[in-house]
Amino acid sequence: MIILHRLNGVAFAINPDLVQRAEQTPDTVLTLTDGTHLVVAESVEDVAQAMTRFKAMVMSQAWQIHRVDAGHRGLRVLPHGGE
């Protein structure tokens, strides 16, 4: 989840996978995958950076889990379609 702010300053969290588009009109308007529009205080650039950081964190954590599992003979993460 990323933390954004409504124009009145109230913070909220949103799953960045639900954001389809961000536009500066002049306020930043997010269009979600279900067609919902949200107006946020952050710039388009700030929203994009927050989404990028979130995705990088998910990838990093997945890699760390993979590295731990690689040294363990029990359960482990396998690449798609193989061992």
PDB file of N, CA and C in Angstrom:
ATOM      1  N   MET A   1       0.841  -1.184   0.000  1.00  0.00           N
ATOM      2  CA  MET A   1       0.000   0.000   0.000  1.00  0.00           C
ATOM      3  C   MET A   1       0.884   1.245   0.000  1.00  0.00           C
ATOM      4  N   ILE A   2       0.411   2.287  -0.649  1.00  0.00           N
ATOM      5  CA  ILE A   2       1.095   3.574  -0.600  1.00  0.00           C
ATOM      6  C   ILE A   2       0.186   4.560   0.126  1.00  0.00           C
ATOM      7  N   ILE A   3       0.799   5.524   0.783  1.00  0.00           N
ATOM      8  CA  ILE A   3       0.053   6.534   1.532  1.00  0.00           C
ATOM      9  C   ILE A   3      -0.017   7.802   0.692  1.00  0.00           C
ATOM     10  N   LEU A   4      -1.222   8.272   0.460  1.00  0.00           N
ATOM     11  CA  LEU A   4      -1.469   9.524  -0.254  1.00  0.00           C
ATOM     12  C   LEU A   4      -2.351  10.405   0.615  1.00  0.00           C
ATOM     13  N   HIS A   5      -2.607  11.630   0.155  1.00  0.00           N
ATOM     14  CA  HIS A   5      -3.403  12.587   0.937  1.00  0.00           C
ATOM     15  C   HIS A   5      -4.495  13.212   0.075  1.00  0.00           C
ATOM     16  N   ARG A   6      -5.663  13.329   0.661  1.00  0.00           N
ATOM     17  CA  ARG A   6      -6.738  14.075   0.009  1.00  0.00           C
ATOM     18  C   ARG A   6      -6.364  15.554   0.048  1.00  0.00           C
ATOM     19  N   LEU A   7      -7.072  16.381  -0.706  1.00  0.00           N
ATOM     20  CA  LEU A   7      -6.756  17.808  -0.738  1.00  0.00           C
ATOM     21  C   LEU A   7      -6.902  18.471   0.622  1.00  0.00           C
ATOM     22  N   ASN A   8      -7.758  17.905   1.502  1.00  0.00           N
ATOM     23  CA  ASN A   8      -7.932  18.470   2.843  1.00  0.00           C
ATOM     24  C   ASN A   8      -6.864  17.976   3.829  1.00  0.00           C
ATOM     25  N   GLY A   9      -5.884  17.183   3.330  1.00  0.00           N
ATOM     26  CA  GLY A   9      -4.780  16.720   4.165  1.00  0.00           C
ATOM     27  C   GLY A   9      -4.971  15.364   4.804  1.00  0.00           C
ATOM     28  N   VAL A  10      -6.143  14.780   4.685  1.00  0.00           N
ATOM     29  CA  VAL A  10      -6.410  13.471   5.289  1.00  0.00           C
ATOM     30  C   VAL A  10      -5.656  12.388   4.508  1.00  0.00           C
ATOM     31  N   ALA A  11      -4.879  11.597   5.219  1.00  0.00           N
ATOM     32  CA  ALA A  11      -4.093  10.525   4.604  1.00  0.00           C
ATOM     33  C   ALA A  11      -4.954   9.287   4.385  1.00  0.00           C
ATOM     34  N   PHE A  12      -4.649   8.565   3.324  1.00  0.00           N
ATOM     35  CA  PHE A  12      -5.293   7.273   3.084  1.00  0.00           C
ATOM     36  C   PHE A  12      -4.296   6.367   2.371  1.00  0.00           C
ATOM     37  N   ALA A  13      -4.524   5.078   2.466  1.00  0.00           N
ATOM     38  CA  ALA A  13      -3.659   4.091   1.826  1.00  0.00           C
ATOM     39  C   ALA A  13      -4.402   3.463   0.657  1.00  0.00           C
ATOM     40  N   ILE A  14      -3.658   3.203  -0.408  1.00  0.00           N
ATOM     41  CA  ILE A  14      -4.263   2.588  -1.584  1.00  0.00           C
ATOM     42  C   ILE A  14      -3.302   1.553  -2.161  1.00  0.00           C
ATOM     43  N   ASN A  15      -3.854   0.502  -2.698  1.00  0.00           N
ATOM     44  CA  ASN A  15      -3.072  -0.519  -3.393  1.00  0.00           C
ATOM     45  C   ASN A  15      -2.686   0.054  -4.755  1.00  0.00           C
ATOM     46  N   PRO A  16      -1.402   0.257  -5.025  1.00  0.00           N
ATOM     47  CA  PRO A  16      -1.008   0.863  -6.301  1.00  0.00           C
ATOM     48  C   PRO A  16      -1.363   0.021  -7.523  1.00  0.00           C
ATOM     49  N   ASP A  17      -1.634  -1.264  -7.326  1.00  0.00           N
ATOM     50  CA  ASP A  17      -2.048  -2.101  -8.450  1.00  0.00           C
ATOM     51  C   ASP A  17      -3.427  -1.703  -8.968  1.00  0.00           C
ATOM     52  N   LEU A  18      -4.168  -0.929  -8.179  1.00  0.00           N
ATOM     53  CA  LEU A  18      -5.503  -0.493  -8.600  1.00  0.00           C
ATOM     54  C   LEU A  18      -5.475   0.802  -9.396  1.00  0.00           C
ATOM     55  N   VAL A  19      -4.320   1.474  -9.457  1.00  0.00           N
ATOM     56  CA  VAL A  19      -4.213   2.750 -10.166  1.00  0.00           C
ATOM     57  C   VAL A  19      -3.940   2.478 -11.638  1.00  0.00           C
ATOM     58  N   GLN A  20      -4.853   2.941 -12.468  1.00  0.00           N
ATOM     59  CA  GLN A  20      -4.703   2.765 -13.911  1.00  0.00           C
ATOM     60  C   GLN A  20      -3.995   3.956 -14.540  1.00  0.00           C
ATOM     61  N   ARG A  21      -4.287   5.174 -14.021  1.00  0.00           N
ATOM     62  CA  ARG A  21      -3.746   6.375 -14.636  1.00  0.00           C
ATOM     63  C   ARG A  21      -3.681   7.493 -13.608  1.00  0.00           C
ATOM     64  N   ALA A  22      -2.703   8.386 -13.752  1.00  0.00           N
ATOM     65  CA  ALA A  22      -2.598   9.596 -12.932  1.00  0.00           C
ATOM     66  C   ALA A  22      -2.446  10.779 -13.873  1.00  0.00           C
ATOM     67  N   GLU A  23      -3.276  11.805 -13.659  1.00  0.00           N
ATOM     68  CA  GLU A  23      -3.249  12.975 -14.531  1.00  0.00           C
ATOM     69  C   GLU A  23      -3.176  14.244 -13.693  1.00  0.00           C
ATOM     70  N   GLN A  24      -2.463  15.255 -14.198  1.00  0.00           N
ATOM     71  CA  GLN A  24      -2.390  16.563 -13.557  1.00  0.00           C
ATOM     72  C   GLN A  24      -3.373  17.459 -14.302  1.00  0.00           C
ATOM     73  N   THR A  25      -4.464  17.915 -13.618  1.00  0.00           N
ATOM     74  CA  THR A  25      -5.539  18.616 -14.350  1.00  0.00           C
ATOM     75  C   THR A  25      -6.118  19.866 -13.684  1.00  0.00           C
ATOM     76  N   PRO A  26      -5.607  20.785 -12.951  1.00  0.00           N
ATOM     77  CA  PRO A  26      -4.272  20.901 -12.402  1.00  0.00           C
ATOM     78  C   PRO A  26      -4.079  20.052 -11.156  1.00  0.00           C
ATOM     79  N   ASP A  27      -5.179  19.670 -10.471  1.00  0.00           N
ATOM     80  CA  ASP A  27      -5.009  18.739  -9.346  1.00  0.00           C
ATOM     81  C   ASP A  27      -4.667  17.365  -9.908  1.00  0.00           C
ATOM     82  N   THR A  28      -4.060  16.540  -9.086  1.00  0.00           N
ATOM     83  CA  THR A  28      -3.727  15.179  -9.515  1.00  0.00           C
ATOM     84  C   THR A  28      -4.956  14.298  -9.338  1.00  0.00           C
ATOM     85  N   VAL A  29      -5.382  13.702 -10.445  1.00  0.00           N
ATOM     86  CA  VAL A  29      -6.546  12.818 -10.442  1.00  0.00           C
ATOM     87  C   VAL A  29      -6.074  11.408 -10.780  1.00  0.00           C
ATOM     88  N   LEU A  30      -6.357  10.474  -9.872  1.00  0.00           N
ATOM     89  CA  LEU A  30      -6.048   9.069 -10.118  1.00  0.00           C
ATOM     90  C   LEU A  30      -7.295   8.386 -10.646  1.00  0.00           C
ATOM     91  N   THR A  31      -7.151   7.612 -11.706  1.00  0.00           N
ATOM     92  CA  THR A  31      -8.235   6.782 -12.208  1.00  0.00           C
ATOM     93  C   THR A  31      -7.898   5.356 -11.825  1.00  0.00           C
ATOM     94  N   LEU A  32      -8.811   4.713 -11.087  1.00  0.00           N
ATOM     95  CA  LEU A  32      -8.599   3.339 -10.650  1.00  0.00           C
ATOM     96  C   LEU A  32      -9.135   2.373 -11.695  1.00  0.00           C
ATOM     97  N   THR A  33      -8.758   1.121 -11.568  1.00  0.00           N
ATOM     98  CA  THR A  33      -9.155   0.110 -12.546  1.00  0.00           C
ATOM     99  C   THR A  33     -10.662  -0.077 -12.637  1.00  0.00           C
ATOM    100  N   ASP A  34     -11.390   0.282 -11.572  1.00  0.00           N
ATOM    101  CA  ASP A  34     -12.856   0.161 -11.610  1.00  0.00           C
ATOM    102  C   ASP A  34     -13.534   1.438 -12.104  1.00  0.00           C
ATOM    103  N   GLY A  35     -12.740   2.435 -12.542  1.00  0.00           N
ATOM    104  CA  GLY A  35     -13.285   3.684 -13.060  1.00  0.00           C
ATOM    105  C   GLY A  35     -13.433   4.785 -12.028  1.00  0.00           C
ATOM    106  N   THR A  36     -13.203   4.483 -10.758  1.00  0.00           N
ATOM    107  CA  THR A  36     -13.280   5.481  -9.696  1.00  0.00           C
ATOM    108  C   THR A  36     -12.192   6.522  -9.899  1.00  0.00           C
ATOM    109  N   HIS A  37     -12.518   7.790  -9.623  1.00  0.00           N
ATOM    110  CA  HIS A  37     -11.543   8.879  -9.699  1.00  0.00           C
ATOM    111  C   HIS A  37     -11.260   9.388  -8.291  1.00  0.00           C
ATOM    112  N   LEU A  38      -9.989   9.558  -7.973  1.00  0.00           N
ATOM    113  CA  LEU A  38      -9.581  10.122  -6.690  1.00  0.00           C
ATOM    114  C   LEU A  38      -8.711  11.338  -6.943  1.00  0.00           C
ATOM    115  N   VAL A  39      -8.986  12.427  -6.221  1.00  0.00           N
ATOM    116  CA  VAL A  39      -8.150  13.622  -6.306  1.00  0.00           C
ATOM    117  C   VAL A  39      -7.211  13.605  -5.108  1.00  0.00           C
ATOM    118  N   VAL A  40      -5.908  13.757  -5.374  1.00  0.00           N
ATOM    119  CA  VAL A  40      -4.914  13.686  -4.309  1.00  0.00           C
ATOM    120  C   VAL A  40      -4.054  14.946  -4.307  1.00  0.00           C
ATOM    121  N   ALA A  41      -3.445  15.222  -3.158  1.00  0.00           N
ATOM    122  CA  ALA A  41      -2.611  16.410  -2.999  1.00  0.00           C
ATOM    123  C   ALA A  41      -1.242  16.247  -3.660  1.00  0.00           C
ATOM    124  N   GLU A  42      -0.759  15.016  -3.783  1.00  0.00           N
ATOM    125  CA  GLU A  42       0.565  14.756  -4.347  1.00  0.00           C
ATOM    126  C   GLU A  42       0.573  15.041  -5.852  1.00  0.00           C
ATOM    127  N   SER A  43       1.755  15.358  -6.373  1.00  0.00           N
ATOM    128  CA  SER A  43       1.908  15.535  -7.814  1.00  0.00           C
ATOM    129  C   SER A  43       1.918  14.169  -8.501  1.00  0.00           C
ATOM    130  N   VAL A  44       1.744  14.184  -9.811  1.00  0.00           N
ATOM    131  CA  VAL A  44       1.831  12.943 -10.581  1.00  0.00           C
ATOM    132  C   VAL A  44       3.198  12.295 -10.362  1.00  0.00           C
ATOM    133  N   GLU A  45       4.245  13.113 -10.341  1.00  0.00           N
ATOM    134  CA  GLU A  45       5.600  12.592 -10.140  1.00  0.00           C
ATOM    135  C   GLU A  45       5.735  11.923  -8.775  1.00  0.00           C
ATOM    136  N   ASP A  46       5.175  12.540  -7.729  1.00  0.00           N
ATOM    137  CA  ASP A  46       5.243  11.952  -6.388  1.00  0.00           C
ATOM    138  C   ASP A  46       4.482  10.633  -6.318  1.00  0.00           C
ATOM    139  N   VAL A  47       3.332  10.566  -6.974  1.00  0.00           N
ATOM    140  CA  VAL A  47       2.554   9.320  -7.003  1.00  0.00           C
ATOM    141  C   VAL A  47       3.357   8.240  -7.725  1.00  0.00           C
ATOM    142  N   ALA A  48       3.946   8.586  -8.865  1.00  0.00           N
ATOM    143  CA  ALA A  48       4.730   7.610  -9.631  1.00  0.00           C
ATOM    144  C   ALA A  48       5.928   7.119  -8.813  1.00  0.00           C
ATOM    145  N   GLN A  49       6.597   8.022  -8.105  1.00  0.00           N
ATOM    146  CA  GLN A  49       7.738   7.611  -7.270  1.00  0.00           C
ATOM    147  C   GLN A  49       7.296   6.691  -6.138  1.00  0.00           C
ATOM    148  N   ALA A  50       6.166   7.009  -5.507  1.00  0.00           N
ATOM    149  CA  ALA A  50       5.664   6.158  -4.415  1.00  0.00           C
ATOM    150  C   ALA A  50       5.328   4.767  -4.941  1.00  0.00           C
ATOM    151  N   MET A  51       4.726   4.709  -6.131  1.00  0.00           N
ATOM    152  CA  MET A  51       4.376   3.417  -6.717  1.00  0.00           C
ATOM    153  C   MET A  51       5.634   2.632  -7.076  1.00  0.00           C
ATOM    154  N   THR A  52       6.645   3.315  -7.605  1.00  0.00           N
ATOM    155  CA  THR A  52       7.898   2.659  -7.963  1.00  0.00           C
ATOM    156  C   THR A  52       8.596   2.117  -6.721  1.00  0.00           C
ATOM    157  N   ARG A  53       8.632   2.919  -5.648  1.00  0.00           N
ATOM    158  CA  ARG A  53       9.255   2.462  -4.393  1.00  0.00           C
ATOM    159  C   ARG A  53       8.518   1.248  -3.844  1.00  0.00           C
ATOM    160  N   PHE A  54       7.183   1.261  -3.910  1.00  0.00           N
ATOM    161  CA  PHE A  54       6.402   0.134  -3.412  1.00  0.00           C
ATOM    162  C   PHE A  54       6.732  -1.135  -4.203  1.00  0.00           C
ATOM    163  N   LYS A  55       6.752  -1.032  -5.531  1.00  0.00           N
ATOM    164  CA  LYS A  55       7.047  -2.205  -6.367  1.00  0.00           C
ATOM    165  C   LYS A  55       8.461  -2.716  -6.100  1.00  0.00           C
ATOM    166  N   ALA A  56       9.420  -1.799  -5.935  1.00  0.00           N
ATOM    167  CA  ALA A  56      10.796  -2.196  -5.645  1.00  0.00           C
ATOM    168  C   ALA A  56      10.879  -2.918  -4.305  1.00  0.00           C
ATOM    169  N   MET A  57      10.124  -2.439  -3.307  1.00  0.00           N
ATOM    170  CA  MET A  57      10.115  -3.076  -1.996  1.00  0.00           C
ATOM    171  C   MET A  57       9.556  -4.503  -2.101  1.00  0.00           C
ATOM    172  N   VAL A  58       8.487  -4.677  -2.857  1.00  0.00           N
ATOM    173  CA  VAL A  58       7.898  -6.012  -3.034  1.00  0.00           C
ATOM    174  C   VAL A  58       8.901  -6.942  -3.704  1.00  0.00           C
ATOM    175  N   MET A  59       9.558  -6.451  -4.763  1.00  0.00           N
ATOM    176  CA  MET A  59      10.550  -7.277  -5.461  1.00  0.00           C
ATOM    177  C   MET A  59      11.716  -7.625  -4.539  1.00  0.00           C
ATOM    178  N   SER A  60      12.165  -6.665  -3.748  1.00  0.00           N
ATOM    179  CA  SER A  60      13.284  -6.887  -2.831  1.00  0.00           C
ATOM    180  C   SER A  60      12.923  -7.936  -1.785  1.00  0.00           C
ATOM    181  N   GLN A  61      11.738  -7.825  -1.229  1.00  0.00           N
ATOM    182  CA  GLN A  61      11.313  -8.798  -0.217  1.00  0.00           C
ATOM    183  C   GLN A  61      11.163 -10.186  -0.824  1.00  0.00           C
ATOM    184  N   ALA A  62      10.660 -10.270  -2.053  1.00  0.00           N
ATOM    185  CA  ALA A  62      10.533 -11.569  -2.714  1.00  0.00           C
ATOM    186  C   ALA A  62      11.914 -12.180  -2.938  1.00  0.00           C
ATOM    187  N   TRP A  63      12.895 -11.351  -3.319  1.00  0.00           N
ATOM    188  CA  TRP A  63      14.248 -11.845  -3.529  1.00  0.00           C
ATOM    189  C   TRP A  63      14.855 -12.332  -2.216  1.00  0.00           C
ATOM    190  N   GLN A  64      14.616 -11.594  -1.128  1.00  0.00           N
ATOM    191  CA  GLN A  64      15.149 -12.003   0.168  1.00  0.00           C
ATOM    192  C   GLN A  64      14.550 -13.343   0.594  1.00  0.00           C
ATOM    193  N   ILE A  65      13.277 -13.535   0.361  1.00  0.00           N
ATOM    194  CA  ILE A  65      12.634 -14.813   0.691  1.00  0.00           C
ATOM    195  C   ILE A  65      13.254 -15.923  -0.151  1.00  0.00           C
ATOM    196  N   HIS A  66      13.464 -15.645  -1.421  1.00  0.00           N
ATOM    197  CA  HIS A  66      14.065 -16.632  -2.322  1.00  0.00           C
ATOM    198  C   HIS A  66      15.469 -17.012  -1.841  1.00  0.00           C
ATOM    199  N   ARG A  67      16.278 -16.025  -1.439  1.00  0.00           N
ATOM    200  CA  ARG A  67      17.641 -16.295  -0.968  1.00  0.00           C
ATOM    201  C   ARG A  67      17.627 -17.143   0.297  1.00  0.00           C
ATOM    202  N   VAL A  68      16.722 -16.856   1.219  1.00  0.00           N
ATOM    203  CA  VAL A  68      16.627 -17.638   2.457  1.00  0.00           C
ATOM    204  C   VAL A  68      16.202 -19.057   2.125  1.00  0.00           C
ATOM    205  N   ASP A  69      15.203 -19.192   1.254  1.00  0.00           N
ATOM    206  CA  ASP A  69      14.708 -20.515   0.892  1.00  0.00           C
ATOM    207  C   ASP A  69      15.743 -21.331   0.121  1.00  0.00           C
ATOM    208  N   ALA A  70      16.617 -20.671  -0.635  1.00  0.00           N
ATOM    209  CA  ALA A  70      17.614 -21.394  -1.433  1.00  0.00           C
ATOM    210  C   ALA A  70      18.581 -22.175  -0.549  1.00  0.00           C
ATOM    211  N   GLY A  71      18.806 -21.705   0.672  1.00  0.00           N
ATOM    212  CA  GLY A  71      19.717 -22.396   1.577  1.00  0.00           C
ATOM    213  C   GLY A  71      19.015 -23.372   2.495  1.00  0.00           C
ATOM    214  N   HIS A  72      17.740 -23.602   2.280  1.00  0.00           N
ATOM    215  CA  HIS A  72      16.938 -24.457   3.160  1.00  0.00           C
ATOM    216  C   HIS A  72      16.395 -25.626   2.347  1.00  0.00           C
ATOM    217  N   ARG A  73      16.429 -26.813   2.895  1.00  0.00           N
ATOM    218  CA  ARG A  73      15.982 -28.000   2.168  1.00  0.00           C
ATOM    219  C   ARG A  73      14.473 -28.227   2.257  1.00  0.00           C
ATOM    220  N   GLY A  74      13.778 -27.431   3.067  1.00  0.00           N
ATOM    221  CA  GLY A  74      12.330 -27.596   3.210  1.00  0.00           C
ATOM    222  C   GLY A  74      11.594 -26.892   2.082  1.00  0.00           C
ATOM    223  N   LEU A  75      10.574 -26.140   2.420  1.00  0.00           N
ATOM    224  CA  LEU A  75       9.814 -25.397   1.429  1.00  0.00           C
ATOM    225  C   LEU A  75      10.689 -24.334   0.797  1.00  0.00           C
ATOM    226  N   ARG A  76      10.488 -24.079  -0.496  1.00  0.00           N
ATOM    227  CA  ARG A  76      11.264 -23.059  -1.177  1.00  0.00           C
ATOM    228  C   ARG A  76      10.480 -22.488  -2.345  1.00  0.00           C
ATOM    229  N   VAL A  77      10.910 -21.334  -2.811  1.00  0.00           N
ATOM    230  CA  VAL A  77      10.300 -20.688  -3.962  1.00  0.00           C
ATOM    231  C   VAL A  77      10.913 -21.276  -5.227  1.00  0.00           C
ATOM    232  N   LEU A  78      10.069 -21.710  -6.162  1.00  0.00           N
ATOM    233  CA  LEU A  78      10.551 -22.267  -7.417  1.00  0.00           C
ATOM    234  C   LEU A  78      10.236 -21.320  -8.560  1.00  0.00           C
ATOM    235  N   PRO A  79      11.113 -21.239  -9.532  1.00  0.00           N
ATOM    236  CA  PRO A  79      10.791 -20.445 -10.718  1.00  0.00           C
ATOM    237  C   PRO A  79       9.588 -21.067 -11.421  1.00  0.00           C
ATOM    238  N   HIS A  80       8.881 -20.258 -12.164  1.00  0.00           N
ATOM    239  CA  HIS A  80       7.683 -20.735 -12.866  1.00  0.00           C
ATOM    240  C   HIS A  80       8.021 -21.932 -13.753  1.00  0.00           C
ATOM    241  N   GLY A  81       7.300 -22.999 -13.563  1.00  0.00           N
ATOM    242  CA  GLY A  81       7.394 -24.148 -14.429  1.00  0.00           C
ATOM    243  C   GLY A  81       8.579 -25.093 -14.187  1.00  0.00           C
ATOM    244  N   GLY A  82       9.231 -24.998 -13.050  1.00  0.00           N
ATOM    245  CA  GLY A  82      10.339 -25.925 -12.889  1.00  0.00           C
ATOM    246  C   GLY A  82      10.918 -25.962 -11.491  1.00  0.00           C
ATOM    247  N   GLU A  83      12.006 -26.674 -11.371  1.00  0.00           N
ATOM    248  CA  GLU A  83      12.680 -26.816 -10.084  1.00  0.00           C
ATOM    249  C   GLU A  83      14.002 -26.138 -10.092  1.00  0.00           C
TER     250      GLU A  83
END
